[in-house]
N, C-alpha and C. Protein backbone atom coordinates (compact mmCIF):
# COMPACT_ATOMS: atom_id res chain seq x y z
N MET A 1 145.66 98.49 120.81
CA MET A 1 145.10 98.66 119.59
C MET A 1 143.71 97.95 119.62
N MET A 2 142.61 98.90 119.25
CA MET A 2 141.20 98.43 119.39
C MET A 2 140.93 97.87 117.95
N ALA A 3 140.35 96.52 117.85
CA ALA A 3 139.91 96.07 116.52
C ALA A 3 138.84 96.86 116.03
N GLN A 4 138.81 96.89 114.72
CA GLN A 4 137.77 97.60 114.07
C GLN A 4 136.78 96.75 113.57
N ARG A 5 135.56 97.34 113.90
CA ARG A 5 134.27 96.23 113.44
C ARG A 5 134.04 96.16 112.10
N VAL A 6 133.79 94.98 111.72
CA VAL A 6 133.68 94.94 110.35
C VAL A 6 132.32 94.28 109.97
N GLY A 7 131.50 94.79 109.17
CA GLY A 7 130.19 94.04 108.79
C GLY A 7 128.73 95.11 109.48
N SER A 8 127.77 94.56 109.49
CA SER A 8 126.56 95.44 109.96
C SER A 8 126.55 96.00 111.13
N PRO A 9 125.86 97.09 111.24
CA PRO A 9 125.90 97.89 112.51
C PRO A 9 124.53 97.05 113.32
N TYR A 10 123.89 96.12 112.51
CA TYR A 10 122.68 95.80 113.23
C TYR A 10 122.80 94.54 114.13
N SER A 11 122.19 94.24 115.21
CA SER A 11 122.32 92.95 115.87
C SER A 11 121.00 92.31 116.15
N PHE A 12 120.89 91.10 116.15
CA PHE A 12 119.78 90.76 116.47
C PHE A 12 119.89 88.92 117.27
N GLY A 13 120.79 89.82 118.36
CA GLY A 13 121.31 88.85 119.40
C GLY A 13 120.25 88.06 120.34
N ASP A 14 119.05 88.71 120.58
CA ASP A 14 118.41 88.10 121.40
C ASP A 14 117.17 87.22 120.83
N LEU A 15 117.53 86.88 119.65
CA LEU A 15 116.32 86.05 119.30
C LEU A 15 116.29 84.49 119.54
N LYS A 16 115.06 83.99 119.72
CA LYS A 16 114.94 82.41 120.08
C LYS A 16 115.21 81.72 118.94
N LEU A 17 115.81 80.35 119.07
CA LEU A 17 116.05 79.48 118.02
C LEU A 17 114.58 78.80 117.51
N ASN A 18 114.59 78.44 116.39
CA ASN A 18 113.28 77.61 115.87
C ASN A 18 112.27 78.46 115.95
N VAL A 19 112.19 79.76 115.75
CA VAL A 19 110.95 80.79 115.46
C VAL A 19 111.23 81.56 114.39
N ASN A 20 109.90 81.50 113.49
CA ASN A 20 110.46 82.39 112.24
C ASN A 20 110.17 83.79 112.69
N TYR A 21 110.98 84.77 112.05
CA TYR A 21 110.87 86.21 112.19
C TYR A 21 111.13 86.89 111.00
N MET A 22 110.12 88.13 110.81
CA MET A 22 110.25 88.83 109.73
C MET A 22 110.93 90.25 109.84
N VAL A 23 111.89 90.49 108.81
CA VAL A 23 112.62 91.89 108.89
C VAL A 23 112.08 92.50 107.96
N SER A 24 111.68 93.82 107.92
CA SER A 24 110.70 94.61 107.24
C SER A 24 111.73 96.15 106.96
N PRO A 25 112.53 96.32 106.06
CA PRO A 25 113.19 97.42 106.04
C PRO A 25 112.32 98.81 105.88
N ASN A 26 112.82 99.61 106.45
CA ASN A 26 111.85 101.06 105.82
C ASN A 26 112.78 102.48 106.14
N ARG A 27 112.58 103.27 105.53
CA ARG A 27 113.66 104.62 105.65
C ARG A 27 112.56 105.37 106.77
N ASN A 28 113.34 106.22 107.35
CA ASN A 28 113.00 107.31 107.93
C ASN A 28 113.28 108.88 107.92
N ASP A 29 114.18 108.98 106.57
CA ASP A 29 114.61 109.88 106.36
C ASP A 29 113.91 110.82 105.18
N GLU A 30 114.60 111.75 104.75
CA GLU A 30 114.11 112.49 103.58
C GLU A 30 114.08 111.60 102.20
N HIS A 31 112.97 111.55 101.58
CA HIS A 31 112.69 110.29 100.34
C HIS A 31 113.94 111.07 99.28
N ASN A 32 114.56 112.23 99.36
CA ASN A 32 114.95 112.82 98.35
C ASN A 32 116.63 112.62 98.52
N ASN A 33 116.77 112.05 99.75
CA ASN A 33 117.97 112.08 100.27
C ASN A 33 118.89 111.04 99.14
N GLY A 34 120.06 111.81 98.47
CA GLY A 34 120.79 111.29 97.46
C GLY A 34 120.30 111.07 96.14
N ILE A 35 119.30 111.80 95.89
CA ILE A 35 118.85 112.36 94.55
C ILE A 35 119.28 113.31 93.89
N THR A 36 119.75 113.26 92.67
CA THR A 36 120.13 114.49 92.17
C THR A 36 119.58 114.57 90.59
N THR A 37 119.77 115.79 89.81
CA THR A 37 119.58 115.65 88.47
C THR A 37 120.41 114.88 87.76
N GLN A 38 121.45 114.23 88.10
CA GLN A 38 122.07 113.49 87.54
C GLN A 38 121.38 111.97 87.14
N ASP A 39 120.59 111.94 88.10
CA ASP A 39 119.95 110.26 88.18
C ASP A 39 118.71 110.66 87.17
N ILE A 40 118.29 111.84 86.78
CA ILE A 40 117.22 112.10 85.71
C ILE A 40 117.91 112.08 84.55
N VAL A 41 119.14 112.43 84.33
CA VAL A 41 119.87 112.34 83.11
C VAL A 41 120.10 110.97 82.79
N LYS A 42 120.39 110.08 83.96
CA LYS A 42 120.64 108.57 83.59
C LYS A 42 119.54 108.12 82.81
N ILE A 43 118.53 108.03 83.74
CA ILE A 43 117.20 107.60 83.31
C ILE A 43 117.00 108.06 81.80
N GLN A 44 117.03 109.30 81.41
CA GLN A 44 116.80 109.99 80.19
C GLN A 44 117.76 109.22 79.04
N LYS A 45 119.04 108.80 79.46
CA LYS A 45 119.90 108.44 78.64
C LYS A 45 119.33 106.72 78.33
N HIS A 46 119.16 106.38 79.38
CA HIS A 46 118.68 104.82 79.18
C HIS A 46 117.40 104.66 78.48
N ILE A 47 116.25 105.66 78.53
CA ILE A 47 115.22 105.47 77.98
C ILE A 47 115.64 105.74 76.21
N LEU A 48 116.28 106.69 76.15
CA LEU A 48 116.63 106.90 74.68
C LEU A 48 117.91 105.92 73.87
N GLY A 49 118.06 105.26 74.85
CA GLY A 49 118.88 103.99 74.38
C GLY A 49 120.57 104.54 74.19
N GLN A 50 120.71 105.62 74.59
CA GLN A 50 122.29 105.93 74.53
C GLN A 50 123.11 105.05 75.77
N THR A 51 122.70 105.13 76.94
CA THR A 51 123.61 104.65 77.85
C THR A 51 122.56 103.75 78.71
N PRO A 52 122.44 102.53 78.41
CA PRO A 52 121.47 101.70 79.02
C PRO A 52 121.82 101.29 80.41
N LEU A 53 120.87 101.50 81.51
CA LEU A 53 121.22 100.95 83.17
C LEU A 53 121.62 99.63 82.88
N ASN A 54 122.95 99.27 83.51
CA ASN A 54 123.48 98.11 83.19
C ASN A 54 123.40 97.05 84.61
N SER A 55 122.77 97.14 85.41
CA SER A 55 122.36 96.40 86.58
C SER A 55 120.96 96.43 86.77
N ALA A 56 120.31 95.12 87.47
CA ALA A 56 118.90 94.92 87.83
C ALA A 56 118.56 96.05 88.69
N TYR A 57 119.59 96.18 89.77
CA TYR A 57 119.56 97.05 90.91
C TYR A 57 119.49 98.50 90.24
N LYS A 58 119.97 98.91 89.21
CA LYS A 58 119.45 100.34 88.93
C LYS A 58 118.51 100.09 88.12
N LEU A 59 117.95 99.30 87.67
CA LEU A 59 116.80 99.37 86.64
C LEU A 59 115.70 99.35 88.00
N ILE A 60 115.55 98.76 88.83
CA ILE A 60 114.77 98.74 89.95
C ILE A 60 114.51 100.05 90.63
N ALA A 61 116.07 100.71 90.98
CA ALA A 61 115.82 102.11 91.33
C ALA A 61 115.18 103.05 90.50
N ALA A 62 115.63 102.89 89.25
CA ALA A 62 114.95 103.92 88.31
C ALA A 62 113.56 103.82 88.27
N ASP A 63 113.00 102.50 88.18
CA ASP A 63 111.53 102.47 88.03
C ASP A 63 110.91 103.28 89.49
N VAL A 64 111.16 104.45 89.57
CA VAL A 64 110.26 104.98 90.69
C VAL A 64 109.04 104.90 91.15
N ASN A 65 107.93 104.93 89.96
CA ASN A 65 106.63 104.67 90.47
C ASN A 65 106.47 103.24 90.30
N ASN A 66 107.44 102.41 90.13
CA ASN A 66 106.87 100.81 90.30
C ASN A 66 106.17 100.31 89.39
N SER A 67 106.17 100.76 88.12
CA SER A 67 105.23 100.32 86.71
C SER A 67 105.85 99.05 86.38
N GLY A 68 106.98 98.57 86.54
CA GLY A 68 107.57 97.58 86.07
C GLY A 68 108.60 97.84 84.75
N SER A 69 108.57 99.33 84.64
CA SER A 69 109.46 99.64 83.57
C SER A 69 109.88 101.01 83.68
N VAL A 70 111.03 101.40 82.96
CA VAL A 70 111.61 102.77 83.11
C VAL A 70 111.11 103.87 82.23
N THR A 71 110.43 104.69 82.50
CA THR A 71 109.81 105.69 81.44
C THR A 71 109.81 107.08 81.86
N ALA A 72 109.50 107.84 81.03
CA ALA A 72 109.48 109.19 81.27
C ALA A 72 108.77 109.71 82.53
N ALA A 73 107.67 108.92 82.76
CA ALA A 73 106.91 109.32 84.22
C ALA A 73 107.67 109.09 85.30
N ASP A 74 108.80 108.43 85.42
CA ASP A 74 109.83 107.99 86.68
C ASP A 74 110.72 109.43 86.46
N MET A 75 110.99 109.72 85.51
CA MET A 75 111.77 111.13 85.45
C MET A 75 110.84 112.22 86.02
N SER A 76 109.59 112.33 85.62
CA SER A 76 108.74 113.48 86.30
C SER A 76 108.63 113.00 87.88
N GLU A 77 108.45 111.92 88.20
CA GLU A 77 108.38 111.65 89.61
C GLU A 77 109.72 112.32 90.38
N LEU A 78 110.65 111.87 89.82
CA LEU A 78 112.12 112.33 90.68
C LEU A 78 112.19 113.85 90.27
N ARG A 79 111.84 114.42 89.44
CA ARG A 79 111.72 115.98 89.14
C ARG A 79 110.92 116.61 90.19
N LYS A 80 109.84 115.98 90.44
CA LYS A 80 108.88 116.65 91.71
C LYS A 80 109.40 116.48 92.96
N LEU A 81 110.20 115.41 93.29
CA LEU A 81 111.21 115.07 94.59
C LEU A 81 112.30 116.27 94.84
N ILE A 82 112.93 116.11 93.56
CA ILE A 82 113.92 117.68 93.87
C ILE A 82 113.47 118.82 93.73
N LEU A 83 112.28 119.16 93.47
CA LEU A 83 111.76 120.58 93.34
C LEU A 83 111.09 120.98 94.60
N VAL A 84 110.79 119.93 95.56
CA VAL A 84 110.06 119.95 96.36
C VAL A 84 110.79 120.82 97.66
C-alpha cells in the first residue's frame, strides 16, 4: 500500500541555509473563481448588522476594495466580477 501524502503540495528543497528568501503568493486563475451571489448576501447582512462576519479572515475577504472596512462599495465590486 502506498503512503498518502499529507501537507502542502509545494516543495522548497533546494534552498541554501542561512540565506533570506521571500515567498510572494499570487493567483493565475480567474478572479471570480469561487465568488457567488451568496457572498454578496453575506456582506449585505454584515453591513445591516443581521449576521456579522465572525472571523478576521472573512472580514479581510469581504473588504474587496481594500479600503479597511466592509461597505456597499465592496458588494458593488463583487457584482461587477460576477456579471463579467
